[in-house]
Every structure is written in C-alpha cells, then in structure tokens.
C-alpha atoms as a PDB file:
ATOM      1  CA  UNK A   1     -16.736  -0.159  29.073  1.00  0.00           C
ATOM      2  CA  UNK A   2     -13.144  -1.387  29.295  1.00  0.00           C
ATOM      3  CA  UNK A   3     -13.256  -2.618  25.885  1.00  0.00           C
ATOM      4  CA  UNK A   4     -14.399   0.626  24.587  1.00  0.00           C
ATOM      5  CA  UNK A   5     -11.632   2.512  26.344  1.00  0.00           C
ATOM      6  CA  UNK A   6      -9.000   0.102  25.043  1.00  0.00           C
ATOM      7  CA  UNK A   7     -10.294   0.529  21.636  1.00  0.00           C
ATOM      8  CA  UNK A   8     -10.328   4.289  21.826  1.00  0.00           C
ATOM      9  CA  UNK A   9      -6.766   4.273  23.257  1.00  0.00           C
ATOM     10  CA  UNK A  10      -5.676   1.901  20.477  1.00  0.00           C
ATOM     11  CA  UNK A  11      -7.269   4.234  17.665  1.00  0.00           C
ATOM     12  CA  UNK A  12      -5.861   7.321  19.279  1.00  0.00           C
ATOM     13  CA  UNK A  13      -2.323   5.965  19.493  1.00  0.00           C
ATOM     14  CA  UNK A  14      -1.988   3.900  16.199  1.00  0.00           C
ATOM     15  CA  UNK A  15      -4.383   5.743  13.693  1.00  0.00           C
ATOM     16  CA  UNK A  16      -1.618   7.848  12.091  1.00  0.00           C
ATOM     17  CA  UNK A  17       0.506   4.720  11.482  1.00  0.00           C
ATOM     18  CA  UNK A  18      -2.600   2.711  10.197  1.00  0.00           C
ATOM     19  CA  UNK A  19      -3.478   5.768   7.947  1.00  0.00           C
ATOM     20  CA  UNK A  20       0.017   5.652   6.528  1.00  0.00           C
ATOM     21  CA  UNK A  21      -0.459   2.051   5.719  1.00  0.00           C
ATOM     22  CA  UNK A  22      -3.756   2.740   4.056  1.00  0.00           C
ATOM     23  CA  UNK A  23      -2.309   5.610   2.127  1.00  0.00           C
ATOM     24  CA  UNK A  24       0.502   3.588   0.855  1.00  0.00           C
ATOM     25  CA  UNK A  25      -1.897   0.974  -0.341  1.00  0.00           C
ATOM     26  CA  UNK A  26      -4.436   3.545  -2.078  1.00  0.00           C
ATOM     27  CA  UNK A  27      -2.153   6.518  -2.784  1.00  0.00           C
ATOM     28  CA  UNK A  28      -5.068   8.711  -2.056  1.00  0.00           C
ATOM     29  CA  UNK A  29      -5.775  10.362   1.355  1.00  0.00           C
ATOM     30  CA  UNK A  30      -9.528  10.344   0.979  1.00  0.00           C
ATOM     31  CA  UNK A  31      -9.594   6.684   0.163  1.00  0.00           C
ATOM     32  CA  UNK A  32      -6.930   5.979   2.862  1.00  0.00           C
ATOM     33  CA  UNK A  33      -9.228   7.515   5.377  1.00  0.00           C
ATOM     34  CA  UNK A  34     -12.273   5.590   4.166  1.00  0.00           C
ATOM     35  CA  UNK A  35     -10.350   2.400   4.174  1.00  0.00           C
ATOM     36  CA  UNK A  36      -9.011   2.982   7.771  1.00  0.00           C
ATOM     37  CA  UNK A  37     -12.441   3.931   8.912  1.00  0.00           C
ATOM     38  CA  UNK A  38     -13.932   0.790   7.431  1.00  0.00           C
ATOM     39  CA  UNK A  39     -11.173  -1.341   8.908  1.00  0.00           C
ATOM     40  CA  UNK A  40     -11.646   0.067  12.410  1.00  0.00           C
ATOM     41  CA  UNK A  41     -15.400  -0.508  12.187  1.00  0.00           C
ATOM     42  CA  UNK A  42     -14.786  -4.052  11.271  1.00  0.00           C
ATOM     43  CA  UNK A  43     -12.079  -4.366  14.103  1.00  0.00           C
ATOM     44  CA  UNK A  44     -14.456  -2.883  16.656  1.00  0.00           C
ATOM     45  CA  UNK A  45     -17.062  -5.689  15.846  1.00  0.00           C
ATOM     46  CA  UNK A  46     -14.398  -8.298  16.570  1.00  0.00           C
ATOM     47  CA  UNK A  47     -12.526  -6.413  19.282  1.00  0.00           C
ATOM     48  CA  UNK A  48     -13.399  -8.895  22.160  1.00  0.00           C
ATOM     49  CA  UNK A  49     -12.059 -11.791  20.051  1.00  0.00           C
ATOM     50  CA  UNK A  50      -8.558 -10.109  19.345  1.00  0.00           C
ATOM     51  CA  UNK A  51      -6.118 -11.684  21.559  1.00  0.00           C
ATOM     52  CA  UNK A  52      -2.821  -9.818  22.188  1.00  0.00           C
ATOM     53  CA  UNK A  53      -1.588  -6.883  20.179  1.00  0.00           C
ATOM     54  CA  UNK A  54      -4.476  -5.701  18.023  1.00  0.00           C
ATOM     55  CA  UNK A  55      -2.302  -3.987  15.466  1.00  0.00           C
ATOM     56  CA  UNK A  56      -1.508  -7.039  13.248  1.00  0.00           C
ATOM     57  CA  UNK A  57      -5.097  -7.982  13.190  1.00  0.00           C
ATOM     58  CA  UNK A  58      -6.114  -4.428  12.103  1.00  0.00           C
ATOM     59  CA  UNK A  59      -3.464  -4.239   9.468  1.00  0.00           C
ATOM     60  CA  UNK A  60      -4.762  -7.451   8.030  1.00  0.00           C
ATOM     61  CA  UNK A  61      -8.279  -6.009   8.104  1.00  0.00           C
ATOM     62  CA  UNK A  62      -6.998  -2.985   6.135  1.00  0.00           C
ATOM     63  CA  UNK A  63      -5.229  -5.083   3.583  1.00  0.00           C
ATOM     64  CA  UNK A  64      -8.336  -7.329   3.172  1.00  0.00           C
ATOM     65  CA  UNK A  65     -10.613  -4.440   2.836  1.00  0.00           C
ATOM     66  CA  UNK A  66      -8.317  -2.811   0.338  1.00  0.00           C
ATOM     67  CA  UNK A  67      -8.201  -5.967  -1.786  1.00  0.00           C
ATOM     68  CA  UNK A  68     -11.992  -6.290  -1.406  1.00  0.00           C
ATOM     69  CA  UNK A  69     -12.538  -2.696  -2.611  1.00  0.00           C
ATOM     70  CA  UNK A  70     -10.430  -3.344  -5.726  1.00  0.00           C
ATOM     71  CA  UNK A  71     -12.514  -6.323  -6.510  1.00  0.00           C
ATOM     72  CA  UNK A  72     -15.812  -4.248  -6.193  1.00  0.00           C
ATOM     73  CA  UNK A  73     -14.499  -1.124  -7.636  1.00  0.00           C
ATOM     74  CA  UNK A  74     -16.154   0.282 -11.021  1.00  0.00           C
ATOM     75  CA  UNK A  75     -13.371   0.602 -13.539  1.00  0.00           C
ATOM     76  CA  UNK A  76     -15.333   2.421 -16.312  1.00  0.00           C
ATOM     77  CA  UNK A  77     -13.624   5.867 -16.028  1.00  0.00           C
ATOM     78  CA  UNK A  78      -9.951   5.973 -17.061  1.00  0.00           C
ATOM     79  CA  UNK A  79      -8.007   9.171 -17.088  1.00  0.00           C
ATOM     80  CA  UNK A  80      -6.601   9.949 -20.489  1.00  0.00           C
ATOM     81  CA  UNK A  81      -5.113  13.478 -20.165  1.00  0.00           C
ATOM     82  CA  UNK A  82      -1.292  13.497 -20.367  1.00  0.00           C
ATOM     83  CA  UNK A  83       0.402  16.441 -18.709  1.00  0.00           C
ATOM     84  CA  UNK A  84       2.903  18.547 -20.794  1.00  0.00           C
ATOM     85  CA  UNK A  85       6.549  18.334 -20.356  1.00  0.00           C
ATOM     86  CA  UNK A  86       8.017  20.216 -17.354  1.00  0.00           C
ATOM     87  CA  UNK A  87       9.960  23.309 -17.913  1.00  0.00           C
ATOM     88  CA  UNK A  88      13.891  22.927 -18.111  1.00  0.00           C
ATOM     89  CA  UNK A  89      14.563  24.831 -15.011  1.00  0.00           C
ATOM     90  CA  UNK A  90      13.362  21.891 -12.725  1.00  0.00           C
ATOM     91  CA  UNK A  91      15.235  21.728  -9.369  1.00  0.00           C
ATOM     92  CA  UNK A  92      16.690  18.503  -8.015  1.00  0.00           C
ATOM     93  CA  UNK A  93      13.802  18.376  -5.482  1.00  0.00           C
ATOM     94  CA  UNK A  94      11.239  18.384  -8.288  1.00  0.00           C
ATOM     95  CA  UNK A  95      13.244  15.702 -10.144  1.00  0.00           C
ATOM     96  CA  UNK A  96      13.130  13.530  -6.826  1.00  0.00           C
ATOM     97  CA  UNK A  97       9.426  14.221  -6.533  1.00  0.00           C
ATOM     98  CA  UNK A  98       9.028  13.211 -10.170  1.00  0.00           C
ATOM     99  CA  UNK A  99      10.933   9.945  -9.737  1.00  0.00           C
ATOM    100  CA  UNK A 100       8.870   9.118  -6.765  1.00  0.00           C
ATOM    101  CA  UNK A 101       5.634   9.843  -8.531  1.00  0.00           C
ATOM    102  CA  UNK A 102       7.002   7.656 -11.405  1.00  0.00           C
ATOM    103  CA  UNK A 103       7.665   4.770  -8.948  1.00  0.00           C
ATOM    104  CA  UNK A 104       4.245   5.118  -7.416  1.00  0.00           C
ATOM    105  CA  UNK A 105       2.643   4.908 -10.848  1.00  0.00           C
ATOM    106  CA  UNK A 106       4.629   1.609 -11.506  1.00  0.00           C
ATOM    107  CA  UNK A 107       3.698   0.196  -8.100  1.00  0.00           C
ATOM    108  CA  UNK A 108       0.029   1.192  -8.973  1.00  0.00           C
ATOM    109  CA  UNK A 109       0.313  -1.160 -11.992  1.00  0.00           C
ATOM    110  CA  UNK A 110       1.093  -4.112  -9.938  1.00  0.00           C
ATOM    111  CA  UNK A 111      -1.607  -6.681  -9.092  1.00  0.00           C
ATOM    112  CA  UNK A 112      -3.034  -5.977  -5.720  1.00  0.00           C
ATOM    113  CA  UNK A 113      -1.513  -8.718  -3.753  1.00  0.00           C
ATOM    114  CA  UNK A 114       1.979  -7.799  -5.132  1.00  0.00           C
ATOM    115  CA  UNK A 115       1.341  -4.203  -4.392  1.00  0.00           C
ATOM    116  CA  UNK A 116       0.368  -5.115  -0.759  1.00  0.00           C
ATOM    117  CA  UNK A 117       3.532  -7.144  -0.333  1.00  0.00           C
ATOM    118  CA  UNK A 118       5.687  -4.270  -1.621  1.00  0.00           C
ATOM    119  CA  UNK A 119       4.063  -1.684   0.692  1.00  0.00           C
ATOM    120  CA  UNK A 120       4.156  -3.812   3.698  1.00  0.00           C
ATOM    121  CA  UNK A 121       7.744  -4.941   3.111  1.00  0.00           C
ATOM    122  CA  UNK A 122       9.464  -1.840   1.919  1.00  0.00           C
ATOM    123  CA  UNK A 123       7.282   0.932   3.274  1.00  0.00           C
ATOM    124  CA  UNK A 124       6.027  -0.535   6.570  1.00  0.00           C
ATOM    125  CA  UNK A 125       9.168  -2.563   6.942  1.00  0.00           C
ATOM    126  CA  UNK A 126       7.395  -5.663   8.083  1.00  0.00           C
ATOM    127  CA  UNK A 127       9.174  -9.020   7.981  1.00  0.00           C
ATOM    128  CA  UNK A 128       8.112 -11.909   5.568  1.00  0.00           C
ATOM    129  CA  UNK A 129       6.519 -13.722   8.508  1.00  0.00           C
ATOM    130  CA  UNK A 130       4.571 -10.537   9.498  1.00  0.00           C
ATOM    131  CA  UNK A 131       3.427  -9.885   5.918  1.00  0.00           C
ATOM    132  CA  UNK A 132       2.288 -13.513   5.632  1.00  0.00           C
ATOM    133  CA  UNK A 133       0.310 -13.234   8.866  1.00  0.00           C
ATOM    134  CA  UNK A 134      -1.251 -10.046   7.587  1.00  0.00           C
ATOM    135  CA  UNK A 135      -2.154 -11.511   4.125  1.00  0.00           C
ATOM    136  CA  UNK A 136      -3.180 -14.963   5.514  1.00  0.00           C
ATOM    137  CA  UNK A 137      -0.606 -16.927   3.424  1.00  0.00           C
ATOM    138  CA  UNK A 138       2.724 -18.532   3.870  1.00  0.00           C
ATOM    139  CA  UNK A 139       6.149 -16.758   3.972  1.00  0.00           C
ATOM    140  CA  UNK A 140       6.971 -18.470   0.579  1.00  0.00           C
ATOM    141  CA  UNK A 141       4.143 -16.933  -0.997  1.00  0.00           C
ATOM    142  CA  UNK A 142       5.171 -13.408   0.128  1.00  0.00           C
ATOM    143  CA  UNK A 143       8.592 -14.204  -1.066  1.00  0.00           C
ATOM    144  CA  UNK A 144       7.458 -15.248  -4.597  1.00  0.00           C
ATOM    145  CA  UNK A 145       5.073 -12.319  -4.757  1.00  0.00           C
ATOM    146  CA  UNK A 146       7.783  -9.800  -3.856  1.00  0.00           C
ATOM    147  CA  UNK A 147      10.101 -11.439  -6.452  1.00  0.00           C
ATOM    148  CA  UNK A 148       7.518 -11.246  -9.149  1.00  0.00           C
ATOM    149  CA  UNK A 149       6.647  -7.757  -8.169  1.00  0.00           C
ATOM    150  CA  UNK A 150      10.305  -6.574  -8.236  1.00  0.00           C
ATOM    151  CA  UNK A 151      11.022  -8.289 -11.440  1.00  0.00           C
ATOM    152  CA  UNK A 152       8.007  -6.560 -12.950  1.00  0.00           C
ATOM    153  CA  UNK A 153       9.171  -3.178 -11.681  1.00  0.00           C
ATOM    154  CA  UNK A 154      12.689  -3.636 -12.836  1.00  0.00           C
ATOM    155  CA  UNK A 155      11.500  -4.551 -16.242  1.00  0.00           C
ATOM    156  CA  UNK A 156       9.235  -1.583 -16.430  1.00  0.00           C
ATOM    157  CA  UNK A 157      11.901   0.839 -15.192  1.00  0.00           C
ATOM    158  CA  UNK A 158      14.362  -0.725 -17.814  1.00  0.00           C
ATOM    159  CA  UNK A 159      11.657  -0.318 -20.554  1.00  0.00           C
ATOM    160  CA  UNK A 160      11.126   3.350 -19.556  1.00  0.00           C
ATOM    161  CA  UNK A 161      14.836   4.386 -19.506  1.00  0.00           C
ATOM    162  CA  UNK A 162      16.266   6.115 -22.479  1.00  0.00           C
ATOM    163  CA  UNK A 163      18.301   3.994 -24.953  1.00  0.00           C
ATOM    164  CA  UNK A 164      21.452   5.772 -23.841  1.00  0.00           C
ATOM    165  CA  UNK A 165      20.941   4.890 -20.199  1.00  0.00           C
ATOM    166  CA  UNK A 166      20.222   1.160 -21.000  1.00  0.00           C
ATOM    167  CA  UNK A 167      23.373   0.744 -23.023  1.00  0.00           C
ATOM    168  CA  UNK A 168      25.711   2.983 -20.880  1.00  0.00           C
END
C-alpha cells in the first residue's frame, strides 16, 4: 500500500513536468498524453525496483517509449497540403509564433535520438550527464548527437533564409 501511495504522490506532483517533456518530444498533446500514460504504466510495473528519485527513471522510460513508438509507427500517410501565405498585416507575436513553428518543424526532421538530445538539453535543461543517463549512453555520445543536430539545424536554417539575409 505504501508503494501505491508513493506512486500516486509522484504522479500527482510530477505529471505536468513529465507531460511537458512528452509534448516536446511528440509535439502533439494527444500523443504526449498517451506517451506519458504508457511510461507511467511501465514505471509502475518497476516501481519497487526504482532506487532513489524516480523522475530520472521515468524520463528515461518516456524517451525509450518515444523512440520505440517511432520504430513501430506506420508512415504511409504524408500530409501534402501547403498553407497559403499569411496576410501582410501579421503582428510581431504572429511572426514569433511562425518562427517557433518553423523551428519545431526543423527539429521534427532530426533523427529521433538527436531530437531527444535537443529536447532534453535545451527545453528540459538537463546536463549532458543527465541526458546520457536518460538515454543509456555516454556523455560523449550526447555531445556528438547534439553537435550533429545543431549543425543540421543551422544548415537547414541557412538554406531556408532568403539570399539577401545570407549575404548581408
């Protein structure tokens, strides 16, 4: 019974933060909720074996589930509709949202492991050591994955910039 109360307390206290992590990985609230639910079920099964703070363990389960979902996901449907250009009277807020959306689209093109490193490092503010623990790899692997991801993002941003911005 004590395990159940500890688990409930953990879920109540940390679900929002964990849901944010899941959302940053999936960029879809429905999938993020499913991902968190699946990770919590797996964590409950192993709850008695978790020593110390359970959050790093649960984060690792979230990332592993996310990576596993991607491997199993059916990729037969590809959205093809392109939205028309926005009206000229866009406000700065709309431009900011557009830039954020563009960045998320670019992050979405990264390989899953690189995307996980970027999310955990720059959105969850975890250290390289913590990310390595979550992903089950060495800190050097985290560094190289982050470097590759940032290089790719910079190249994509540079390629997408108008010619006048690249030369000016």
